[in-house]
PDB file of N, CA and C in Angstrom:
ATOM      1  N   MET A   1      15.125  30.124 169.165  1.00  0.00           N
ATOM      2  CA  MET A   1      14.595  31.234 168.382  1.00  0.00           C
ATOM      3  C   MET A   1      14.411  32.439 169.296  1.00  0.00           C
ATOM      4  N   SER A   2      14.588  33.612 168.718  1.00  0.00           N
ATOM      5  CA  SER A   2      14.430  34.829 169.500  1.00  0.00           C
ATOM      6  C   SER A   2      13.620  35.848 168.711  1.00  0.00           C
ATOM      7  N   SER A   3      13.024  36.757 169.433  1.00  0.00           N
ATOM      8  CA  SER A   3      12.182  37.777 168.823  1.00  0.00           C
ATOM      9  C   SER A   3      12.939  39.102 168.785  1.00  0.00           C
ATOM     10  N   VAL A   4      12.850  39.794 167.664  1.00  0.00           N
ATOM     11  CA  VAL A   4      13.476  41.106 167.510  1.00  0.00           C
ATOM     12  C   VAL A   4      12.462  42.061 166.872  1.00  0.00           C
ATOM     13  N   THR A   5      12.705  43.336 167.046  1.00  0.00           N
ATOM     14  CA  THR A   5      11.866  44.371 166.439  1.00  0.00           C
ATOM     15  C   THR A   5      12.678  45.084 165.373  1.00  0.00           C
ATOM     16  N   VAL A   6      12.099  45.209 164.188  1.00  0.00           N
ATOM     17  CA  VAL A   6      12.748  45.909 163.086  1.00  0.00           C
ATOM     18  C   VAL A   6      11.974  47.199 162.847  1.00  0.00           C
ATOM     19  N   LEU A   7      12.663  48.330 162.983  1.00  0.00           N
ATOM     20  CA  LEU A   7      12.056  49.640 162.735  1.00  0.00           C
ATOM     21  C   LEU A   7      12.209  49.967 161.252  1.00  0.00           C
ATOM     22  N   ILE A   8      11.097  50.311 160.613  1.00  0.00           N
ATOM     23  CA  ILE A   8      11.054  50.524 159.169  1.00  0.00           C
ATOM     24  C   ILE A   8      10.967  52.024 158.869  1.00  0.00           C
ATOM     25  N   PRO A   9      11.864  52.545 158.009  1.00  0.00           N
ATOM     26  CA  PRO A   9      11.796  53.965 157.668  1.00  0.00           C
ATOM     27  C   PRO A   9      10.586  54.266 156.779  1.00  0.00           C
ATOM     28  N   THR A  10      10.162  55.499 156.788  1.00  0.00           N
ATOM     29  CA  THR A  10       8.968  55.923 156.061  1.00  0.00           C
ATOM     30  C   THR A  10       8.964  55.482 154.600  1.00  0.00           C
ATOM     31  N   LEU A  11      10.094  55.631 153.914  1.00  0.00           N
ATOM     32  CA  LEU A  11      10.136  55.307 152.481  1.00  0.00           C
ATOM     33  C   LEU A  11       9.961  53.814 152.194  1.00  0.00           C
ATOM     34  N   LEU A  12      10.209  52.969 153.174  1.00  0.00           N
ATOM     35  CA  LEU A  12      10.074  51.524 152.961  1.00  0.00           C
ATOM     36  C   LEU A  12       8.760  50.964 153.506  1.00  0.00           C
ATOM     37  N   ARG A  13       8.000  51.774 154.207  1.00  0.00           N
ATOM     38  CA  ARG A  13       6.758  51.289 154.814  1.00  0.00           C
ATOM     39  C   ARG A  13       5.729  50.770 153.816  1.00  0.00           C
ATOM     40  N   PRO A  14       5.638  51.326 152.605  1.00  0.00           N
ATOM     41  CA  PRO A  14       4.668  50.767 151.645  1.00  0.00           C
ATOM     42  C   PRO A  14       4.913  49.283 151.346  1.00  0.00           C
ATOM     43  N   TYR A  15       6.121  48.808 151.559  1.00  0.00           N
ATOM     44  CA  TYR A  15       6.456  47.410 151.259  1.00  0.00           C
ATOM     45  C   TYR A  15       6.130  46.464 152.419  1.00  0.00           C
ATOM     46  N   VAL A  16       5.758  47.032 153.572  1.00  0.00           N
ATOM     47  CA  VAL A  16       5.388  46.222 154.742  1.00  0.00           C
ATOM     48  C   VAL A  16       4.008  46.665 155.256  1.00  0.00           C
ATOM     49  N   ASP A  17       3.106  46.900 154.322  1.00  0.00           N
ATOM     50  CA  ASP A  17       1.716  47.262 154.650  1.00  0.00           C
ATOM     51  C   ASP A  17       1.616  48.522 155.495  1.00  0.00           C
ATOM     52  N   GLY A  18       2.548  49.459 155.300  1.00  0.00           N
ATOM     53  CA  GLY A  18       2.496  50.741 155.995  1.00  0.00           C
ATOM     54  C   GLY A  18       2.956  50.723 157.436  1.00  0.00           C
ATOM     55  N   ARG A  19       3.469  49.591 157.898  1.00  0.00           N
ATOM     56  CA  ARG A  19       3.875  49.480 159.307  1.00  0.00           C
ATOM     57  C   ARG A  19       5.206  50.192 159.570  1.00  0.00           C
ATOM     58  N   SER A  20       5.333  50.753 160.774  1.00  0.00           N
ATOM     59  CA  SER A  20       6.572  51.428 161.163  1.00  0.00           C
ATOM     60  C   SER A  20       7.544  50.461 161.838  1.00  0.00           C
ATOM     61  N   GLU A  21       7.020  49.318 162.276  1.00  0.00           N
ATOM     62  CA  GLU A  21       7.894  48.297 162.855  1.00  0.00           C
ATOM     63  C   GLU A  21       7.324  46.915 162.567  1.00  0.00           C
ATOM     64  N   VAL A  22       8.235  45.963 162.517  1.00  0.00           N
ATOM     65  CA  VAL A  22       7.874  44.581 162.245  1.00  0.00           C
ATOM     66  C   VAL A  22       8.548  43.716 163.307  1.00  0.00           C
ATOM     67  N   SER A  23       7.785  42.840 163.935  1.00  0.00           N
ATOM     68  CA  SER A  23       8.359  41.880 164.883  1.00  0.00           C
ATOM     69  C   SER A  23       8.722  40.631 164.108  1.00  0.00           C
ATOM     70  N   MET A  24       9.914  40.112 164.360  1.00  0.00           N
ATOM     71  CA  MET A  24      10.388  38.942 163.646  1.00  0.00           C
ATOM     72  C   MET A  24      11.016  37.955 164.612  1.00  0.00           C
ATOM     73  N   THR A  25      11.020  36.711 164.202  1.00  0.00           N
ATOM     74  CA  THR A  25      11.698  35.666 164.947  1.00  0.00           C
ATOM     75  C   THR A  25      12.932  35.263 164.155  1.00  0.00           C
ATOM     76  N   VAL A  26      14.062  35.220 164.832  1.00  0.00           N
ATOM     77  CA  VAL A  26      15.309  34.799 164.184  1.00  0.00           C
ATOM     78  C   VAL A  26      15.940  33.698 165.033  1.00  0.00           C
ATOM     79  N   SER A  27      16.790  32.909 164.406  1.00  0.00           N
ATOM     80  CA  SER A  27      17.463  31.851 165.154  1.00  0.00           C
ATOM     81  C   SER A  27      18.427  32.480 166.162  1.00  0.00           C
ATOM     82  N   ASP A  28      18.763  31.731 167.190  1.00  0.00           N
ATOM     83  CA  ASP A  28      19.619  32.253 168.261  1.00  0.00           C
ATOM     84  C   ASP A  28      20.975  32.720 167.764  1.00  0.00           C
ATOM     85  N   ASP A  29      21.465  32.125 166.679  1.00  0.00           N
ATOM     86  CA  ASP A  29      22.746  32.566 166.123  1.00  0.00           C
ATOM     87  C   ASP A  29      22.528  33.338 164.825  1.00  0.00           C
ATOM     88  N   GLY A  30      21.333  33.939 164.693  1.00  0.00           N
ATOM     89  CA  GLY A  30      20.991  34.675 163.479  1.00  0.00           C
ATOM     90  C   GLY A  30      21.752  35.978 163.364  1.00  0.00           C
ATOM     91  N   ASP A  31      22.078  36.316 162.133  1.00  0.00           N
ATOM     92  CA  ASP A  31      22.775  37.577 161.881  1.00  0.00           C
ATOM     93  C   ASP A  31      21.896  38.508 161.060  1.00  0.00           C
ATOM     94  N   VAL A  32      22.417  39.677 160.751  1.00  0.00           N
ATOM     95  CA  VAL A  32      21.663  40.680 160.012  1.00  0.00           C
ATOM     96  C   VAL A  32      21.270  40.152 158.634  1.00  0.00           C
ATOM     97  N   SER A  33      22.142  39.414 157.992  1.00  0.00           N
ATOM     98  CA  SER A  33      21.834  38.860 156.674  1.00  0.00           C
ATOM     99  C   SER A  33      20.618  37.938 156.745  1.00  0.00           C
ATOM    100  N   ALA A  34      20.579  37.058 157.735  1.00  0.00           N
ATOM    101  CA  ALA A  34      19.438  36.146 157.904  1.00  0.00           C
ATOM    102  C   ALA A  34      18.169  36.928 158.220  1.00  0.00           C
ATOM    103  N   LEU A  35      18.301  37.977 159.026  1.00  0.00           N
ATOM    104  CA  LEU A  35      17.152  38.814 159.350  1.00  0.00           C
ATOM    105  C   LEU A  35      16.599  39.456 158.084  1.00  0.00           C
ATOM    106  N   LEU A  36      17.483  39.988 157.236  1.00  0.00           N
ATOM    107  CA  LEU A  36      17.044  40.610 155.987  1.00  0.00           C
ATOM    108  C   LEU A  36      16.447  39.585 155.032  1.00  0.00           C
ATOM    109  N   ASP A  37      16.974  38.353 155.055  1.00  0.00           N
ATOM    110  CA  ASP A  37      16.385  37.283 154.244  1.00  0.00           C
ATOM    111  C   ASP A  37      14.928  37.074 154.651  1.00  0.00           C
ATOM    112  N   GLY A  38      14.691  37.018 155.957  1.00  0.00           N
ATOM    113  CA  GLY A  38      13.332  36.824 156.458  1.00  0.00           C
ATOM    114  C   GLY A  38      12.432  38.006 156.171  1.00  0.00           C
ATOM    115  N   LEU A  39      12.962  39.204 156.340  1.00  0.00           N
ATOM    116  CA  LEU A  39      12.179  40.411 156.089  1.00  0.00           C
ATOM    117  C   LEU A  39      11.826  40.528 154.611  1.00  0.00           C
ATOM    118  N   GLY A  40      12.753  40.159 153.748  1.00  0.00           N
ATOM    119  CA  GLY A  40      12.536  40.283 152.309  1.00  0.00           C
ATOM    120  C   GLY A  40      11.769  39.128 151.688  1.00  0.00           C
ATOM    121  N   ALA A  41      11.558  38.049 152.438  1.00  0.00           N
ATOM    122  CA  ALA A  41      10.833  36.883 151.903  1.00  0.00           C
ATOM    123  C   ALA A  41       9.420  37.302 151.504  1.00  0.00           C
ATOM    124  N   GLY A  42       9.109  37.118 150.251  1.00  0.00           N
ATOM    125  CA  GLY A  42       7.795  37.506 149.752  1.00  0.00           C
ATOM    126  C   GLY A  42       7.662  38.992 149.491  1.00  0.00           C
ATOM    127  N   ARG A  43       8.743  39.730 149.689  1.00  0.00           N
ATOM    128  CA  ARG A  43       8.745  41.185 149.464  1.00  0.00           C
ATOM    129  C   ARG A  43       9.962  41.564 148.626  1.00  0.00           C
ATOM    130  N   PRO A  44      10.021  41.113 147.383  1.00  0.00           N
ATOM    131  CA  PRO A  44      11.222  41.348 146.573  1.00  0.00           C
ATOM    132  C   PRO A  44      11.544  42.828 146.364  1.00  0.00           C
ATOM    133  N   LEU A  45      10.537  43.675 146.297  1.00  0.00           N
ATOM    134  CA  LEU A  45      10.812  45.106 146.111  1.00  0.00           C
ATOM    135  C   LEU A  45      11.467  45.705 147.346  1.00  0.00           C
ATOM    136  N   LEU A  46      11.062  45.255 148.519  1.00  0.00           N
ATOM    137  CA  LEU A  46      11.696  45.719 149.752  1.00  0.00           C
ATOM    138  C   LEU A  46      13.161  45.292 149.770  1.00  0.00           C
ATOM    139  N   ASP A  47      13.397  44.036 149.460  1.00  0.00           N
ATOM    140  CA  ASP A  47      14.772  43.523 149.457  1.00  0.00           C
ATOM    141  C   ASP A  47      15.640  44.292 148.469  1.00  0.00           C
ATOM    142  N   GLN A  48      15.092  44.626 147.303  1.00  0.00           N
ATOM    143  CA  GLN A  48      15.853  45.379 146.296  1.00  0.00           C
ATOM    144  C   GLN A  48      16.202  46.780 146.772  1.00  0.00           C
ATOM    145  N   ARG A  49      15.383  47.358 147.628  1.00  0.00           N
ATOM    146  CA  ARG A  49      15.651  48.705 148.153  1.00  0.00           C
ATOM    147  C   ARG A  49      16.732  48.688 149.226  1.00  0.00           C
ATOM    148  N   ILE A  50      16.932  47.526 149.860  1.00  0.00           N
ATOM    149  CA  ILE A  50      17.895  47.425 150.957  1.00  0.00           C
ATOM    150  C   ILE A  50      19.235  46.853 150.509  1.00  0.00           C
ATOM    151  N   ARG A  51      19.190  45.821 149.661  1.00  0.00           N
ATOM    152  CA  ARG A  51      20.424  45.145 149.253  1.00  0.00           C
ATOM    153  C   ARG A  51      20.602  45.148 147.745  1.00  0.00           C
ATOM    154  N   GLU A  52      21.860  45.118 147.360  1.00  0.00           N
ATOM    155  CA  GLU A  52      22.202  45.008 145.950  1.00  0.00           C
ATOM    156  C   GLU A  52      22.008  43.560 145.504  1.00  0.00           C
ATOM    157  N   GLU A  53      22.140  43.333 144.200  1.00  0.00           N
ATOM    158  CA  GLU A  53      21.988  41.985 143.650  1.00  0.00           C
ATOM    159  C   GLU A  53      22.999  41.013 144.253  1.00  0.00           C
ATOM    160  N   THR A  54      24.143  41.529 144.685  1.00  0.00           N
ATOM    161  CA  THR A  54      25.184  40.689 145.286  1.00  0.00           C
ATOM    162  C   THR A  54      24.861  40.315 146.726  1.00  0.00           C
ATOM    163  N   GLY A  55      23.844  40.951 147.308  1.00  0.00           N
ATOM    164  CA  GLY A  55      23.489  40.710 148.699  1.00  0.00           C
ATOM    165  C   GLY A  55      24.055  41.751 149.651  1.00  0.00           C
ATOM    166  N   ALA A  56      24.957  42.602 149.153  1.00  0.00           N
ATOM    167  CA  ALA A  56      25.552  43.658 149.980  1.00  0.00           C
ATOM    168  C   ALA A  56      24.532  44.765 150.240  1.00  0.00           C
ATOM    169  N   LEU A  57      24.708  45.460 151.357  1.00  0.00           N
ATOM    170  CA  LEU A  57      23.843  46.608 151.640  1.00  0.00           C
ATOM    171  C   LEU A  57      24.050  47.677 150.577  1.00  0.00           C
ATOM    172  N   ARG A  58      22.976  48.332 150.190  1.00  0.00           N
ATOM    173  CA  ARG A  58      23.106  49.463 149.279  1.00  0.00           C
ATOM    174  C   ARG A  58      23.841  50.587 150.005  1.00  0.00           C
ATOM    175  N   ARG A  59      24.527  51.414 149.244  1.00  0.00           N
ATOM    176  CA  ARG A  59      25.335  52.502 149.806  1.00  0.00           C
ATOM    177  C   ARG A  59      24.555  53.405 150.739  1.00  0.00           C
ATOM    178  N   TYR A  60      23.310  53.688 150.384  1.00  0.00           N
ATOM    179  CA  TYR A  60      22.515  54.668 151.121  1.00  0.00           C
ATOM    180  C   TYR A  60      21.651  54.039 152.222  1.00  0.00           C
ATOM    181  N   VAL A  61      21.868  52.771 152.510  1.00  0.00           N
ATOM    182  CA  VAL A  61      21.114  52.100 153.564  1.00  0.00           C
ATOM    183  C   VAL A  61      22.057  51.779 154.730  1.00  0.00           C
ATOM    184  N   ASN A  62      21.662  52.182 155.915  1.00  0.00           N
ATOM    185  CA  ASN A  62      22.418  51.862 157.125  1.00  0.00           C
ATOM    186  C   ASN A  62      21.534  51.042 158.041  1.00  0.00           C
ATOM    187  N   ILE A  63      22.132  50.078 158.694  1.00  0.00           N
ATOM    188  CA  ILE A  63      21.398  49.234 159.630  1.00  0.00           C
ATOM    189  C   ILE A  63      22.103  49.283 160.974  1.00  0.00           C
ATOM    190  N   TYR A  64      21.295  49.466 162.011  1.00  0.00           N
ATOM    191  CA  TYR A  64      21.801  49.542 163.382  1.00  0.00           C
ATOM    192  C   TYR A  64      21.167  48.430 164.206  1.00  0.00           C
ATOM    193  N   VAL A  65      21.973  47.731 164.986  1.00  0.00           N
ATOM    194  CA  VAL A  65      21.484  46.726 165.930  1.00  0.00           C
ATOM    195  C   VAL A  65      21.719  47.305 167.322  1.00  0.00           C
ATOM    196  N   ASP A  66      20.638  47.560 168.013  1.00  0.00           N
ATOM    197  CA  ASP A  66      20.707  48.192 169.342  1.00  0.00           C
ATOM    198  C   ASP A  66      21.594  49.438 169.326  1.00  0.00           C
ATOM    199  N   GLY A  67      21.430  50.257 168.301  1.00  0.00           N
ATOM    200  CA  GLY A  67      22.129  51.537 168.213  1.00  0.00           C
ATOM    201  C   GLY A  67      23.521  51.483 167.626  1.00  0.00           C
ATOM    202  N   GLU A  68      24.022  50.296 167.293  1.00  0.00           N
ATOM    203  CA  GLU A  68      25.371  50.159 166.740  1.00  0.00           C
ATOM    204  C   GLU A  68      25.302  49.934 165.235  1.00  0.00           C
ATOM    205  N   ASP A  69      26.036  50.736 164.480  1.00  0.00           N
ATOM    206  CA  ASP A  69      26.086  50.623 163.026  1.00  0.00           C
ATOM    207  C   ASP A  69      26.765  49.306 162.648  1.00  0.00           C
ATOM    208  N   VAL A  70      26.055  48.453 161.894  1.00  0.00           N
ATOM    209  CA  VAL A  70      26.625  47.144 161.553  1.00  0.00           C
ATOM    210  C   VAL A  70      27.855  47.268 160.664  1.00  0.00           C
ATOM    211  N   ARG A  71      27.995  48.385 159.945  1.00  0.00           N
ATOM    212  CA  ARG A  71      29.192  48.572 159.111  1.00  0.00           C
ATOM    213  C   ARG A  71      30.446  48.705 159.971  1.00  0.00           C
ATOM    214  N   ARG A  72      30.267  49.121 161.213  1.00  0.00           N
ATOM    215  CA  ARG A  72      31.403  49.251 162.142  1.00  0.00           C
ATOM    216  C   ARG A  72      31.592  47.998 162.976  1.00  0.00           C
ATOM    217  N   LEU A  73      30.697  47.051 162.824  1.00  0.00           N
ATOM    218  CA  LEU A  73      30.800  45.789 163.548  1.00  0.00           C
ATOM    219  C   LEU A  73      31.224  44.710 162.553  1.00  0.00           C
ATOM    220  N   ASN A  74      30.379  43.721 162.330  1.00  0.00           N
ATOM    221  CA  ASN A  74      30.708  42.641 161.391  1.00  0.00           C
ATOM    222  C   ASN A  74      29.859  42.684 160.130  1.00  0.00           C
ATOM    223  N   GLY A  75      29.362  43.877 159.799  1.00  0.00           N
ATOM    224  CA  GLY A  75      28.555  44.011 158.596  1.00  0.00           C
ATOM    225  C   GLY A  75      27.310  43.139 158.675  1.00  0.00           C
ATOM    226  N   LEU A  76      26.980  42.502 157.572  1.00  0.00           N
ATOM    227  CA  LEU A  76      25.792  41.655 157.529  1.00  0.00           C
ATOM    228  C   LEU A  76      25.921  40.410 158.396  1.00  0.00           C
ATOM    229  N   ARG A  77      27.133  40.121 158.854  1.00  0.00           N
ATOM    230  CA  ARG A  77      27.369  38.958 159.726  1.00  0.00           C
ATOM    231  C   ARG A  77      27.240  39.324 161.209  1.00  0.00           C
ATOM    232  N   THR A  78      26.846  40.561 161.502  1.00  0.00           N
ATOM    233  CA  THR A  78      26.635  40.988 162.880  1.00  0.00           C
ATOM    234  C   THR A  78      25.487  40.186 163.481  1.00  0.00           C
ATOM    235  N   LEU A  79      25.720  39.592 164.643  1.00  0.00           N
ATOM    236  CA  LEU A  79      24.680  38.816 165.306  1.00  0.00           C
ATOM    237  C   LEU A  79      23.567  39.717 165.823  1.00  0.00           C
ATOM    238  N   VAL A  80      22.344  39.186 165.786  1.00  0.00           N
ATOM    239  CA  VAL A  80      21.177  39.909 166.274  1.00  0.00           C
ATOM    240  C   VAL A  80      20.671  39.188 167.522  1.00  0.00           C
ATOM    241  N   PRO A  81      20.965  39.734 168.713  1.00  0.00           N
ATOM    242  CA  PRO A  81      20.569  39.052 169.951  1.00  0.00           C
ATOM    243  C   PRO A  81      19.064  39.123 170.198  1.00  0.00           C
ATOM    244  N   SER A  82      18.574  38.207 171.003  1.00  0.00           N
ATOM    245  CA  SER A  82      17.169  38.193 171.373  1.00  0.00           C
ATOM    246  C   SER A  82      16.774  39.528 171.996  1.00  0.00           C
ATOM    247  N   GLY A  83      15.634  40.031 171.599  1.00  0.00           N
ATOM    248  CA  GLY A  83      15.130  41.287 172.143  1.00  0.00           C
ATOM    249  C   GLY A  83      15.721  42.526 171.501  1.00  0.00           C
ATOM    250  N   ALA A  84      16.580  42.348 170.526  1.00  0.00           N
ATOM    251  CA  ALA A  84      17.242  43.492 169.894  1.00  0.00           C
ATOM    252  C   ALA A  84      16.257  44.346 169.103  1.00  0.00           C
ATOM    253  N   THR A  85      16.633  45.609 168.946  1.00  0.00           N
ATOM    254  CA  THR A  85      15.920  46.502 168.047  1.00  0.00           C
ATOM    255  C   THR A  85      16.850  46.775 166.878  1.00  0.00           C
ATOM    256  N   VAL A  86      16.358  46.475 165.695  1.00  0.00           N
ATOM    257  CA  VAL A  86      17.142  46.681 164.480  1.00  0.00           C
ATOM    258  C   VAL A  86      16.494  47.846 163.729  1.00  0.00           C
ATOM    259  N   MET A  87      17.293  48.859 163.447  1.00  0.00           N
ATOM    260  CA  MET A  87      16.782  50.040 162.774  1.00  0.00           C
ATOM    261  C   MET A  87      17.387  50.125 161.373  1.00  0.00           C
ATOM    262  N   ILE A  88      16.511  50.260 160.393  1.00  0.00           N
ATOM    263  CA  ILE A  88      16.950  50.458 159.017  1.00  0.00           C
ATOM    264  C   ILE A  88      16.805  51.936 158.720  1.00  0.00           C
ATOM    265  N   ILE A  89      17.885  52.551 158.257  1.00  0.00           N
ATOM    266  CA  ILE A  89      17.846  53.960 157.896  1.00  0.00           C
ATOM    267  C   ILE A  89      18.215  54.088 156.437  1.00  0.00           C
ATOM    268  N   GLN A  90      17.343  54.724 155.692  1.00  0.00           N
ATOM    269  CA  GLN A  90      17.578  54.919 154.264  1.00  0.00           C
ATOM    270  C   GLN A  90      17.836  56.400 154.041  1.00  0.00           C
ATOM    271  N   SER A  91      19.034  56.720 153.568  1.00  0.00           N
ATOM    272  CA  SER A  91      19.378  58.122 153.322  1.00  0.00           C
ATOM    273  C   SER A  91      18.584  58.643 152.127  1.00  0.00           C
ATOM    274  N   VAL A  92      18.222  59.903 152.214  1.00  0.00           N
ATOM    275  CA  VAL A  92      17.499  60.530 151.135  1.00  0.00           C
ATOM    276  C   VAL A  92      18.317  61.726 150.671  1.00  0.00           C
ATOM    277  N   ALA A  93      18.529  61.793 149.373  1.00  0.00           N
ATOM    278  CA  ALA A  93      19.298  62.912 148.819  1.00  0.00           C
ATOM    279  C   ALA A  93      18.429  63.624 147.786  1.00  0.00           C
ATOM    280  N   GLY A  94      18.685  64.868 147.633  1.00  0.00           N
ATOM    281  CA  GLY A  94      17.914  65.628 146.649  1.00  0.00           C
ATOM    282  C   GLY A  94      18.632  66.907 146.304  1.00  0.00           C
ATOM    283  N   GLY A  95      18.151  67.547 145.296  1.00  0.00           N
ATOM    284  CA  GLY A  95      18.829  68.762 144.861  1.00  0.00           C
ATOM    285  C   GLY A  95      17.959  69.944 144.839  1.00  0.00           C
TER     286      GLY A  95
END
């Protein structure tokens, strides 16, 4: 098992008790999908804001593992190494 830090954007903080970051434990071969499963456990509204019903990332949500966009790597199957910082970025649009 390894420990990682997940940085939470302002718009999603109400779903994690207002915290800006969450420390999580993931398995040594854990990927972004497993990390999101753990983060969303018991927080269905948070999970709905990040992933679609199919489990895919929502269009306006980007996830970075140690500064690398997972969409340019292996998507949700991108491995999350021990000590990694995972950043969730939620785009905001308005008119």
